[in-house]
Amino acid sequence: MNYLGPYPAVVNDSCLVSLADNALQKIFPKEDLVKIEPWMASDTMGRYMTHFPCLYALLGCANQKLGYGAPHHNPKFDADPRCLESGIEATLGFIRAFFDDPEI
């Protein structure tokens, strides 16, 4: 076993958070956007963040009415495939805002 940890903390770049927040508010209804509390988990994204400004965001994929909602890393996990459309919209909206921002 090769242990490569500990991994650095995943901490979003505040400028990118603001940019994403503004971009997503133009695309989605306010009630569809949720800010979550910080949580403890392990992710290699922290390594990228030591070299580049980054933004780590989560895409909600649960839909209890259709039976999607088991936690991650669970054998019953399944994502509502319709969430991918929202993920694509969000990503493209962020990219547009990123390239339109004269400060970046």
PDB file of N, CA and C in Angstrom:
ATOM      1  N   MET A   1       0.847  -1.173   0.000  1.00  0.00           N
ATOM      2  CA  MET A   1       0.000   0.000   0.000  1.00  0.00           C
ATOM      3  C   MET A   1       0.888   1.230   0.000  1.00  0.00           C
ATOM      4  N   ASN A   2       0.587   2.160  -0.856  1.00  0.00           N
ATOM      5  CA  ASN A   2       1.284   3.437  -0.903  1.00  0.00           C
ATOM      6  C   ASN A   2       0.342   4.516  -0.391  1.00  0.00           C
ATOM      7  N   TYR A   3       0.712   5.131   0.714  1.00  0.00           N
ATOM      8  CA  TYR A   3      -0.106   6.188   1.295  1.00  0.00           C
ATOM      9  C   TYR A   3       0.468   7.520   0.861  1.00  0.00           C
ATOM     10  N   LEU A   4      -0.336   8.322   0.170  1.00  0.00           N
ATOM     11  CA  LEU A   4       0.126   9.606  -0.359  1.00  0.00           C
ATOM     12  C   LEU A   4      -0.367  10.794   0.451  1.00  0.00           C
ATOM     13  N   GLY A   5      -1.021  10.548   1.558  1.00  0.00           N
ATOM     14  CA  GLY A   5      -1.603  11.625   2.359  1.00  0.00           C
ATOM     15  C   GLY A   5      -0.612  12.180   3.340  1.00  0.00           C
ATOM     16  N   PRO A   6      -1.010  13.078   4.168  1.00  0.00           N
ATOM     17  CA  PRO A   6      -2.358  13.637   4.185  1.00  0.00           C
ATOM     18  C   PRO A   6      -2.545  14.637   3.046  1.00  0.00           C
ATOM     19  N   TYR A   7      -3.765  14.709   2.561  1.00  0.00           N
ATOM     20  CA  TYR A   7      -4.065  15.646   1.501  1.00  0.00           C
ATOM     21  C   TYR A   7      -4.347  17.020   2.089  1.00  0.00           C
ATOM     22  N   PRO A   8      -3.958  18.071   1.366  1.00  0.00           N
ATOM     23  CA  PRO A   8      -4.273  19.419   1.843  1.00  0.00           C
ATOM     24  C   PRO A   8      -5.788  19.638   1.884  1.00  0.00           C
ATOM     25  N   ALA A   9      -6.190  20.590   2.685  1.00  0.00           N
ATOM     26  CA  ALA A   9      -7.620  20.916   2.800  1.00  0.00           C
ATOM     27  C   ALA A   9      -8.159  21.444   1.475  1.00  0.00           C
ATOM     28  N   VAL A  10      -9.411  21.186   1.230  1.00  0.00           N
ATOM     29  CA  VAL A  10     -10.107  21.723   0.064  1.00  0.00           C
ATOM     30  C   VAL A  10     -10.762  23.030   0.498  1.00  0.00           C
ATOM     31  N   VAL A  11     -10.206  24.136   0.012  1.00  0.00           N
ATOM     32  CA  VAL A  11     -10.718  25.459   0.363  1.00  0.00           C
ATOM     33  C   VAL A  11     -10.926  26.229  -0.938  1.00  0.00           C
ATOM     34  N   ASN A  12     -12.174  26.569  -1.211  1.00  0.00           N
ATOM     35  CA  ASN A  12     -12.501  27.271  -2.451  1.00  0.00           C
ATOM     36  C   ASN A  12     -11.898  28.665  -2.494  1.00  0.00           C
ATOM     37  N   ASP A  13     -11.501  29.077  -3.682  1.00  0.00           N
ATOM     38  CA  ASP A  13     -11.028  30.436  -3.916  1.00  0.00           C
ATOM     39  C   ASP A  13     -12.228  31.380  -3.825  1.00  0.00           C
ATOM     40  N   SER A  14     -12.133  32.392  -2.975  1.00  0.00           N
ATOM     41  CA  SER A  14     -13.286  33.274  -2.723  1.00  0.00           C
ATOM     42  C   SER A  14     -13.733  34.034  -3.973  1.00  0.00           C
ATOM     43  N   CYS A  15     -12.808  34.413  -4.849  1.00  0.00           N
ATOM     44  CA  CYS A  15     -13.194  35.110  -6.085  1.00  0.00           C
ATOM     45  C   CYS A  15     -13.989  34.193  -7.006  1.00  0.00           C
ATOM     46  N   LEU A  16     -13.575  32.934  -7.097  1.00  0.00           N
ATOM     47  CA  LEU A  16     -14.295  31.980  -7.936  1.00  0.00           C
ATOM     48  C   LEU A  16     -15.660  31.637  -7.344  1.00  0.00           C
ATOM     49  N   VAL A  17     -15.746  31.604  -6.020  1.00  0.00           N
ATOM     50  CA  VAL A  17     -17.035  31.358  -5.369  1.00  0.00           C
ATOM     51  C   VAL A  17     -18.004  32.484  -5.720  1.00  0.00           C
ATOM     52  N   SER A  18     -17.549  33.706  -5.623  1.00  0.00           N
ATOM     53  CA  SER A  18     -18.398  34.863  -5.937  1.00  0.00           C
ATOM     54  C   SER A  18     -18.818  34.843  -7.402  1.00  0.00           C
ATOM     55  N   LEU A  19     -17.878  34.549  -8.274  1.00  0.00           N
ATOM     56  CA  LEU A  19     -18.166  34.480  -9.705  1.00  0.00           C
ATOM     57  C   LEU A  19     -19.213  33.400  -9.991  1.00  0.00           C
ATOM     58  N   ALA A  20     -19.036  32.216  -9.410  1.00  0.00           N
ATOM     59  CA  ALA A  20     -19.988  31.118  -9.611  1.00  0.00           C
ATOM     60  C   ALA A  20     -21.345  31.462  -9.038  1.00  0.00           C
ATOM     61  N   ASP A  21     -21.359  32.038  -7.850  1.00  0.00           N
ATOM     62  CA  ASP A  21     -22.617  32.400  -7.197  1.00  0.00           C
ATOM     63  C   ASP A  21     -23.421  33.358  -8.084  1.00  0.00           C
ATOM     64  N   ASN A  22     -22.768  34.385  -8.583  1.00  0.00           N
ATOM     65  CA  ASN A  22     -23.452  35.358  -9.450  1.00  0.00           C
ATOM     66  C   ASN A  22     -23.929  34.712 -10.745  1.00  0.00           C
ATOM     67  N   ALA A  23     -23.100  33.864 -11.335  1.00  0.00           N
ATOM     68  CA  ALA A  23     -23.467  33.213 -12.596  1.00  0.00           C
ATOM     69  C   ALA A  23     -24.653  32.275 -12.404  1.00  0.00           C
ATOM     70  N   LEU A  24     -24.624  31.487 -11.336  1.00  0.00           N
ATOM     71  CA  LEU A  24     -25.687  30.500 -11.130  1.00  0.00           C
ATOM     72  C   LEU A  24     -27.012  31.150 -10.740  1.00  0.00           C
ATOM     73  N   GLN A  25     -26.959  32.290 -10.072  1.00  0.00           N
ATOM     74  CA  GLN A  25     -28.198  32.990  -9.720  1.00  0.00           C
ATOM     75  C   GLN A  25     -28.927  33.496 -10.956  1.00  0.00           C
ATOM     76  N   LYS A  26     -28.208  33.679 -12.053  1.00  0.00           N
ATOM     77  CA  LYS A  26     -28.832  34.112 -13.305  1.00  0.00           C
ATOM     78  C   LYS A  26     -29.474  32.942 -14.050  1.00  0.00           C
ATOM     79  N   ILE A  27     -29.086  31.723 -13.699  1.00  0.00           N
ATOM     80  CA  ILE A  27     -29.555  30.533 -14.417  1.00  0.00           C
ATOM     81  C   ILE A  27     -30.662  29.799 -13.676  1.00  0.00           C
ATOM     82  N   PHE A  28     -30.504  29.656 -12.358  1.00  0.00           N
ATOM     83  CA  PHE A  28     -31.396  28.809 -11.567  1.00  0.00           C
ATOM     84  C   PHE A  28     -32.224  29.629 -10.584  1.00  0.00           C
ATOM     85  N   PRO A  29     -33.415  29.132 -10.242  1.00  0.00           N
ATOM     86  CA  PRO A  29     -34.195  29.794  -9.189  1.00  0.00           C
ATOM     87  C   PRO A  29     -33.426  29.741  -7.866  1.00  0.00           C
ATOM     88  N   LYS A  30     -33.603  30.769  -7.074  1.00  0.00           N
ATOM     89  CA  LYS A  30     -32.870  30.891  -5.812  1.00  0.00           C
ATOM     90  C   LYS A  30     -33.027  29.648  -4.934  1.00  0.00           C
ATOM     91  N   GLU A  31     -34.227  29.066  -4.898  1.00  0.00           N
ATOM     92  CA  GLU A  31     -34.460  27.903  -4.031  1.00  0.00           C
ATOM     93  C   GLU A  31     -33.719  26.650  -4.509  1.00  0.00           C
ATOM     94  N   ASP A  32     -33.215  26.667  -5.731  1.00  0.00           N
ATOM     95  CA  ASP A  32     -32.448  25.520  -6.240  1.00  0.00           C
ATOM     96  C   ASP A  32     -30.973  25.585  -5.866  1.00  0.00           C
ATOM     97  N   LEU A  33     -30.532  26.727  -5.375  1.00  0.00           N
ATOM     98  CA  LEU A  33     -29.124  26.896  -4.996  1.00  0.00           C
ATOM     99  C   LEU A  33     -29.000  26.809  -3.478  1.00  0.00           C
ATOM    100  N   VAL A  34     -28.137  25.931  -3.028  1.00  0.00           N
ATOM    101  CA  VAL A  34     -27.992  25.687  -1.596  1.00  0.00           C
ATOM    102  C   VAL A  34     -26.529  25.821  -1.212  1.00  0.00           C
ATOM    103  N   LYS A  35     -26.276  26.584  -0.174  1.00  0.00           N
ATOM    104  CA  LYS A  35     -24.923  26.653   0.381  1.00  0.00           C
ATOM    105  C   LYS A  35     -24.869  25.668   1.531  1.00  0.00           C
ATOM    106  N   ILE A  36     -23.885  24.796   1.489  1.00  0.00           N
ATOM    107  CA  ILE A  36     -23.774  23.784   2.536  1.00  0.00           C
ATOM    108  C   ILE A  36     -22.708  24.194   3.541  1.00  0.00           C
ATOM    109  N   GLU A  37     -22.842  23.663   4.719  1.00  0.00           N
ATOM    110  CA  GLU A  37     -21.843  23.898   5.759  1.00  0.00           C
ATOM    111  C   GLU A  37     -20.576  23.111   5.415  1.00  0.00           C
ATOM    112  N   PRO A  38     -19.423  23.616   5.832  1.00  0.00           N
ATOM    113  CA  PRO A  38     -18.193  22.831   5.608  1.00  0.00           C
ATOM    114  C   PRO A  38     -18.321  21.455   6.255  1.00  0.00           C
ATOM    115  N   TRP A  39     -17.712  20.476   5.639  1.00  0.00           N
ATOM    116  CA  TRP A  39     -17.759  19.127   6.176  1.00  0.00           C
ATOM    117  C   TRP A  39     -16.397  18.473   5.991  1.00  0.00           C
ATOM    118  N   MET A  40     -16.147  17.499   6.797  1.00  0.00           N
ATOM    119  CA  MET A  40     -14.864  16.801   6.780  1.00  0.00           C
ATOM    120  C   MET A  40     -14.954  15.602   5.847  1.00  0.00           C
ATOM    121  N   ALA A  41     -14.134  15.615   4.835  1.00  0.00           N
ATOM    122  CA  ALA A  41     -14.030  14.494   3.903  1.00  0.00           C
ATOM    123  C   ALA A  41     -12.647  14.541   3.279  1.00  0.00           C
ATOM    124  N   SER A  42     -12.282  13.500   2.638  1.00  0.00           N
ATOM    125  CA  SER A  42     -10.974  13.432   2.002  1.00  0.00           C
ATOM    126  C   SER A  42     -11.152  13.534   0.496  1.00  0.00           C
ATOM    127  N   ASP A  43     -10.329  14.339  -0.141  1.00  0.00           N
ATOM    128  CA  ASP A  43     -10.417  14.474  -1.583  1.00  0.00           C
ATOM    129  C   ASP A  43      -9.072  14.960  -2.115  1.00  0.00           C
ATOM    130  N   THR A  44      -8.665  14.418  -3.228  1.00  0.00           N
ATOM    131  CA  THR A  44      -7.391  14.826  -3.824  1.00  0.00           C
ATOM    132  C   THR A  44      -7.456  16.220  -4.448  1.00  0.00           C
ATOM    133  N   MET A  45      -8.639  16.805  -4.545  1.00  0.00           N
ATOM    134  CA  MET A  45      -8.779  18.157  -5.093  1.00  0.00           C
ATOM    135  C   MET A  45      -7.903  19.152  -4.329  1.00  0.00           C
ATOM    136  N   GLY A  46      -7.664  18.901  -3.057  1.00  0.00           N
ATOM    137  CA  GLY A  46      -6.805  19.773  -2.264  1.00  0.00           C
ATOM    138  C   GLY A  46      -5.413  19.921  -2.854  1.00  0.00           C
ATOM    139  N   ARG A  47      -4.927  18.898  -3.501  1.00  0.00           N
ATOM    140  CA  ARG A  47      -3.601  18.980  -4.146  1.00  0.00           C
ATOM    141  C   ARG A  47      -3.610  19.983  -5.298  1.00  0.00           C
ATOM    142  N   TYR A  48      -4.673  19.969  -6.102  1.00  0.00           N
ATOM    143  CA  TYR A  48      -4.772  20.951  -7.190  1.00  0.00           C
ATOM    144  C   TYR A  48      -4.819  22.358  -6.625  1.00  0.00           C
ATOM    145  N   MET A  49      -5.534  22.502  -5.521  1.00  0.00           N
ATOM    146  CA  MET A  49      -5.730  23.822  -4.934  1.00  0.00           C
ATOM    147  C   MET A  49      -4.455  24.432  -4.378  1.00  0.00           C
ATOM    148  N   THR A  50      -3.430  23.626  -4.193  1.00  0.00           N
ATOM    149  CA  THR A  50      -2.150  24.179  -3.758  1.00  0.00           C
ATOM    150  C   THR A  50      -1.398  24.808  -4.927  1.00  0.00           C
ATOM    151  N   HIS A  51      -1.845  24.550  -6.150  1.00  0.00           N
ATOM    152  CA  HIS A  51      -1.168  25.065  -7.345  1.00  0.00           C
ATOM    153  C   HIS A  51      -1.989  26.089  -8.124  1.00  0.00           C
ATOM    154  N   PHE A  52      -3.314  25.990  -8.035  1.00  0.00           N
ATOM    155  CA  PHE A  52      -4.194  26.834  -8.831  1.00  0.00           C
ATOM    156  C   PHE A  52      -5.386  27.296  -8.005  1.00  0.00           C
ATOM    157  N   PRO A  53      -5.942  28.464  -8.315  1.00  0.00           N
ATOM    158  CA  PRO A  53      -7.212  28.842  -7.689  1.00  0.00           C
ATOM    159  C   PRO A  53      -8.275  27.861  -8.190  1.00  0.00           C
ATOM    160  N   CYS A  54      -9.067  27.337  -7.298  1.00  0.00           N
ATOM    161  CA  CYS A  54     -10.061  26.319  -7.671  1.00  0.00           C
ATOM    162  C   CYS A  54     -11.400  26.569  -6.985  1.00  0.00           C
ATOM    163  N   LEU A  55     -12.388  25.894  -7.520  1.00  0.00           N
ATOM    164  CA  LEU A  55     -13.733  25.915  -6.954  1.00  0.00           C
ATOM    165  C   LEU A  55     -14.245  24.488  -6.959  1.00  0.00           C
ATOM    166  N   TYR A  56     -14.629  24.012  -5.810  1.00  0.00           N
ATOM    167  CA  TYR A  56     -15.174  22.657  -5.659  1.00  0.00           C
ATOM    168  C   TYR A  56     -16.641  22.803  -5.310  1.00  0.00           C
ATOM    169  N   ALA A  57     -17.501  22.328  -6.196  1.00  0.00           N
ATOM    170  CA  ALA A  57     -18.937  22.465  -5.986  1.00  0.00           C
ATOM    171  C   ALA A  57     -19.587  21.091  -6.067  1.00  0.00           C
ATOM    172  N   LEU A  58     -20.738  20.972  -5.471  1.00  0.00           N
ATOM    173  CA  LEU A  58     -21.481  19.719  -5.486  1.00  0.00           C
ATOM    174  C   LEU A  58     -22.756  19.889  -6.303  1.00  0.00           C
ATOM    175  N   LEU A  59     -23.125  18.834  -6.986  1.00  0.00           N
ATOM    176  CA  LEU A  59     -24.343  18.823  -7.786  1.00  0.00           C
ATOM    177  C   LEU A  59     -25.328  17.876  -7.126  1.00  0.00           C
ATOM    178  N   GLY A  60     -26.454  18.412  -6.712  1.00  0.00           N
ATOM    179  CA  GLY A  60     -27.475  17.569  -6.093  1.00  0.00           C
ATOM    180  C   GLY A  60     -28.066  16.603  -7.114  1.00  0.00           C
ATOM    181  N   CYS A  61     -28.148  15.346  -6.749  1.00  0.00           N
ATOM    182  CA  CYS A  61     -28.645  14.348  -7.694  1.00  0.00           C
ATOM    183  C   CYS A  61     -29.707  13.440  -7.079  1.00  0.00           C
ATOM    184  N   ALA A  62     -30.193  13.805  -5.900  1.00  0.00           N
ATOM    185  CA  ALA A  62     -31.225  12.997  -5.246  1.00  0.00           C
ATOM    186  C   ALA A  62     -32.605  13.402  -5.748  1.00  0.00           C
ATOM    187  N   ASN A  63     -33.492  12.442  -5.790  1.00  0.00           N
ATOM    188  CA  ASN A  63     -34.899  12.688  -6.099  1.00  0.00           C
ATOM    189  C   ASN A  63     -35.678  11.584  -5.388  1.00  0.00           C
ATOM    190  N   GLN A  64     -36.086  11.873  -4.165  1.00  0.00           N
ATOM    191  CA  GLN A  64     -36.750  10.867  -3.333  1.00  0.00           C
ATOM    192  C   GLN A  64     -38.012  10.310  -3.994  1.00  0.00           C
ATOM    193  N   LYS A  65     -38.738  11.150  -4.730  1.00  0.00           N
ATOM    194  CA  LYS A  65     -39.978  10.696  -5.374  1.00  0.00           C
ATOM    195  C   LYS A  65     -39.724   9.593  -6.399  1.00  0.00           C
ATOM    196  N   LEU A  66     -38.552   9.642  -7.041  1.00  0.00           N
ATOM    197  CA  LEU A  66     -38.218   8.640  -8.048  1.00  0.00           C
ATOM    198  C   LEU A  66     -37.270   7.563  -7.523  1.00  0.00           C
ATOM    199  N   GLY A  67     -36.959   7.615  -6.236  1.00  0.00           N
ATOM    200  CA  GLY A  67     -36.127   6.579  -5.637  1.00  0.00           C
ATOM    201  C   GLY A  67     -34.630   6.829  -5.686  1.00  0.00           C
ATOM    202  N   TYR A  68     -34.231   8.048  -5.993  1.00  0.00           N
ATOM    203  CA  TYR A  68     -32.813   8.409  -5.988  1.00  0.00           C
ATOM    204  C   TYR A  68     -32.517   9.148  -4.695  1.00  0.00           C
ATOM    205  N   GLY A  69     -31.518   8.738  -3.963  1.00  0.00           N
ATOM    206  CA  GLY A  69     -31.240   9.458  -2.733  1.00  0.00           C
ATOM    207  C   GLY A  69     -30.351   8.721  -1.752  1.00  0.00           C
ATOM    208  N   ALA A  70     -29.884   7.525  -2.102  1.00  0.00           N
ATOM    209  CA  ALA A  70     -28.962   6.827  -1.204  1.00  0.00           C
ATOM    210  C   ALA A  70     -27.657   7.621  -1.122  1.00  0.00           C
ATOM    211  N   PRO A  71     -26.984   7.598   0.022  1.00  0.00           N
ATOM    212  CA  PRO A  71     -25.739   8.356   0.164  1.00  0.00           C
ATOM    213  C   PRO A  71     -24.639   7.856  -0.774  1.00  0.00           C
ATOM    214  N   HIS A  72     -23.663   8.726  -0.995  1.00  0.00           N
ATOM    215  CA  HIS A  72     -22.494   8.326  -1.790  1.00  0.00           C
ATOM    216  C   HIS A  72     -21.791   7.133  -1.138  1.00  0.00           C
ATOM    217  N   HIS A  73     -21.017   6.426  -1.935  1.00  0.00           N
ATOM    218  CA  HIS A  73     -20.240   5.275  -1.462  1.00  0.00           C
ATOM    219  C   HIS A  73     -21.153   4.231  -0.822  1.00  0.00           C
ATOM    220  N   ASN A  74     -22.321   4.074  -1.393  1.00  0.00           N
ATOM    221  CA  ASN A  74     -23.321   3.144  -0.903  1.00  0.00           C
ATOM    222  C   ASN A  74     -23.706   2.255  -2.086  1.00  0.00           C
ATOM    223  N   PRO A  75     -23.851   0.947  -1.891  1.00  0.00           N
ATOM    224  CA  PRO A  75     -24.188   0.083  -3.028  1.00  0.00           C
ATOM    225  C   PRO A  75     -25.540   0.421  -3.671  1.00  0.00           C
ATOM    226  N   LYS A  76     -26.388   1.171  -2.975  1.00  0.00           N
ATOM    227  CA  LYS A  76     -27.686   1.550  -3.529  1.00  0.00           C
ATOM    228  C   LYS A  76     -27.679   2.949  -4.144  1.00  0.00           C
ATOM    229  N   PHE A  77     -26.504   3.595  -4.163  1.00  0.00           N
ATOM    230  CA  PHE A  77     -26.420   4.947  -4.724  1.00  0.00           C
ATOM    231  C   PHE A  77     -26.816   4.922  -6.198  1.00  0.00           C
ATOM    232  N   ASP A  78     -27.619   5.882  -6.582  1.00  0.00           N
ATOM    233  CA  ASP A  78     -28.022   6.060  -7.966  1.00  0.00           C
ATOM    234  C   ASP A  78     -28.426   7.520  -8.113  1.00  0.00           C
ATOM    235  N   ALA A  79     -27.968   8.152  -9.155  1.00  0.00           N
ATOM    236  CA  ALA A  79     -28.261   9.566  -9.367  1.00  0.00           C
ATOM    237  C   ALA A  79     -29.412   9.733 -10.349  1.00  0.00           C
ATOM    238  N   ASP A  80     -30.256  10.706 -10.094  1.00  0.00           N
ATOM    239  CA  ASP A  80     -31.301  11.066 -11.049  1.00  0.00           C
ATOM    240  C   ASP A  80     -30.588  11.623 -12.281  1.00  0.00           C
ATOM    241  N   PRO A  81     -30.683  10.962 -13.417  1.00  0.00           N
ATOM    242  CA  PRO A  81     -29.920  11.401 -14.594  1.00  0.00           C
ATOM    243  C   PRO A  81     -30.280  12.806 -15.076  1.00  0.00           C
ATOM    244  N   ARG A  82     -31.448  13.290 -14.684  1.00  0.00           N
ATOM    245  CA  ARG A  82     -31.831  14.645 -15.105  1.00  0.00           C
ATOM    246  C   ARG A  82     -30.957  15.708 -14.454  1.00  0.00           C
ATOM    247  N   CYS A  83     -30.269  15.359 -13.369  1.00  0.00           N
ATOM    248  CA  CYS A  83     -29.397  16.340 -12.721  1.00  0.00           C
ATOM    249  C   CYS A  83     -28.215  16.709 -13.620  1.00  0.00           C
ATOM    250  N   LEU A  84     -27.870  15.824 -14.546  1.00  0.00           N
ATOM    251  CA  LEU A  84     -26.742  16.120 -15.430  1.00  0.00           C
ATOM    252  C   LEU A  84     -27.005  17.351 -16.290  1.00  0.00           C
ATOM    253  N   GLU A  85     -28.253  17.545 -16.693  1.00  0.00           N
ATOM    254  CA  GLU A  85     -28.588  18.745 -17.467  1.00  0.00           C
ATOM    255  C   GLU A  85     -28.295  20.004 -16.655  1.00  0.00           C
ATOM    256  N   SER A  86     -28.670  19.986 -15.383  1.00  0.00           N
ATOM    257  CA  SER A  86     -28.383  21.141 -14.515  1.00  0.00           C
ATOM    258  C   SER A  86     -26.886  21.318 -14.329  1.00  0.00           C
ATOM    259  N   GLY A  87     -26.165  20.226 -14.202  1.00  0.00           N
ATOM    260  CA  GLY A  87     -24.716  20.300 -14.047  1.00  0.00           C
ATOM    261  C   GLY A  87     -24.042  20.904 -15.264  1.00  0.00           C
ATOM    262  N   ILE A  88     -24.529  20.540 -16.436  1.00  0.00           N
ATOM    263  CA  ILE A  88     -23.976  21.096 -17.672  1.00  0.00           C
ATOM    264  C   ILE A  88     -24.303  22.585 -17.760  1.00  0.00           C
ATOM    265  N   GLU A  89     -25.551  22.941 -17.466  1.00  0.00           N
ATOM    266  CA  GLU A  89     -25.937  24.364 -17.470  1.00  0.00           C
ATOM    267  C   GLU A  89     -25.072  25.173 -16.509  1.00  0.00           C
ATOM    268  N   ALA A  90     -24.869  24.638 -15.311  1.00  0.00           N
ATOM    269  CA  ALA A  90     -24.075  25.337 -14.298  1.00  0.00           C
ATOM    270  C   ALA A  90     -22.632  25.499 -14.764  1.00  0.00           C
ATOM    271  N   THR A  91     -22.065  24.442 -15.309  1.00  0.00           N
ATOM    272  CA  THR A  91     -20.674  24.494 -15.773  1.00  0.00           C
ATOM    273  C   THR A  91     -20.516  25.505 -16.899  1.00  0.00           C
ATOM    274  N   LEU A  92     -21.400  25.465 -17.870  1.00  0.00           N
ATOM    275  CA  LEU A  92     -21.313  26.405 -18.984  1.00  0.00           C
ATOM    276  C   LEU A  92     -21.542  27.844 -18.528  1.00  0.00           C
ATOM    277  N   GLY A  93     -22.472  28.040 -17.595  1.00  0.00           N
ATOM    278  CA  GLY A  93     -22.706  29.382 -17.058  1.00  0.00           C
ATOM    279  C   GLY A  93     -21.477  29.920 -16.345  1.00  0.00           C
ATOM    280  N   PHE A  94     -20.810  29.053 -15.588  1.00  0.00           N
ATOM    281  CA  PHE A  94     -19.588  29.471 -14.895  1.00  0.00           C
ATOM    282  C   PHE A  94     -18.484  29.796 -15.902  1.00  0.00           C
ATOM    283  N   ILE A  95     -18.336  28.968 -16.927  1.00  0.00           N
ATOM    284  CA  ILE A  95     -17.298  29.207 -17.941  1.00  0.00           C
ATOM    285  C   ILE A  95     -17.531  30.538 -18.637  1.00  0.00           C
ATOM    286  N   ARG A  96     -18.790  30.803 -19.011  1.00  0.00           N
ATOM    287  CA  ARG A  96     -19.100  32.095 -19.659  1.00  0.00           C
ATOM    288  C   ARG A  96     -18.741  33.263 -18.733  1.00  0.00           C
ATOM    289  N   ALA A  97     -19.139  33.161 -17.480  1.00  0.00           N
ATOM    290  CA  ALA A  97     -18.853  34.237 -16.527  1.00  0.00           C
ATOM    291  C   ALA A  97     -17.346  34.393 -16.325  1.00  0.00           C
ATOM    292  N   PHE A  98     -16.634  33.287 -16.282  1.00  0.00           N
ATOM    293  CA  PHE A  98     -15.190  33.328 -16.093  1.00  0.00           C
ATOM    294  C   PHE A  98     -14.508  34.081 -17.243  1.00  0.00           C
ATOM    295  N   PHE A  99     -14.885  33.750 -18.462  1.00  0.00           N
ATOM    296  CA  PHE A  99     -14.238  34.400 -19.613  1.00  0.00           C
ATOM    297  C   PHE A  99     -14.751  35.815 -19.854  1.00  0.00           C
ATOM    298  N   ASP A 100     -15.907  36.141 -19.331  1.00  0.00           N
ATOM    299  CA  ASP A 100     -16.427  37.505 -19.475  1.00  0.00           C
ATOM    300  C   ASP A 100     -15.910  38.463 -18.408  1.00  0.00           C
ATOM    301  N   ASP A 101     -15.318  37.934 -17.348  1.00  0.00           N
ATOM    302  CA  ASP A 101     -14.869  38.760 -16.229  1.00  0.00           C
ATOM    303  C   ASP A 101     -13.520  39.403 -16.560  1.00  0.00           C
ATOM    304  N   PRO A 102     -13.460  40.723 -16.650  1.00  0.00           N
ATOM    305  CA  PRO A 102     -12.196  41.384 -16.992  1.00  0.00           C
ATOM    306  C   PRO A 102     -11.144  41.303 -15.876  1.00  0.00           C
ATOM    307  N   GLU A 103     -11.556  40.959 -14.671  1.00  0.00           N
ATOM    308  CA  GLU A 103     -10.616  40.894 -13.545  1.00  0.00           C
ATOM    309  C   GLU A 103      -9.816  39.589 -13.541  1.00  0.00           C
ATOM    310  N   ILE A 104     -10.259  38.616 -14.304  1.00  0.00           N
ATOM    311  CA  ILE A 104      -9.584  37.303 -14.282  1.00  0.00           C
ATOM    312  C   ILE A 104      -8.606  37.188 -15.416  1.00  0.00           C
TER     313      ILE A 104
END
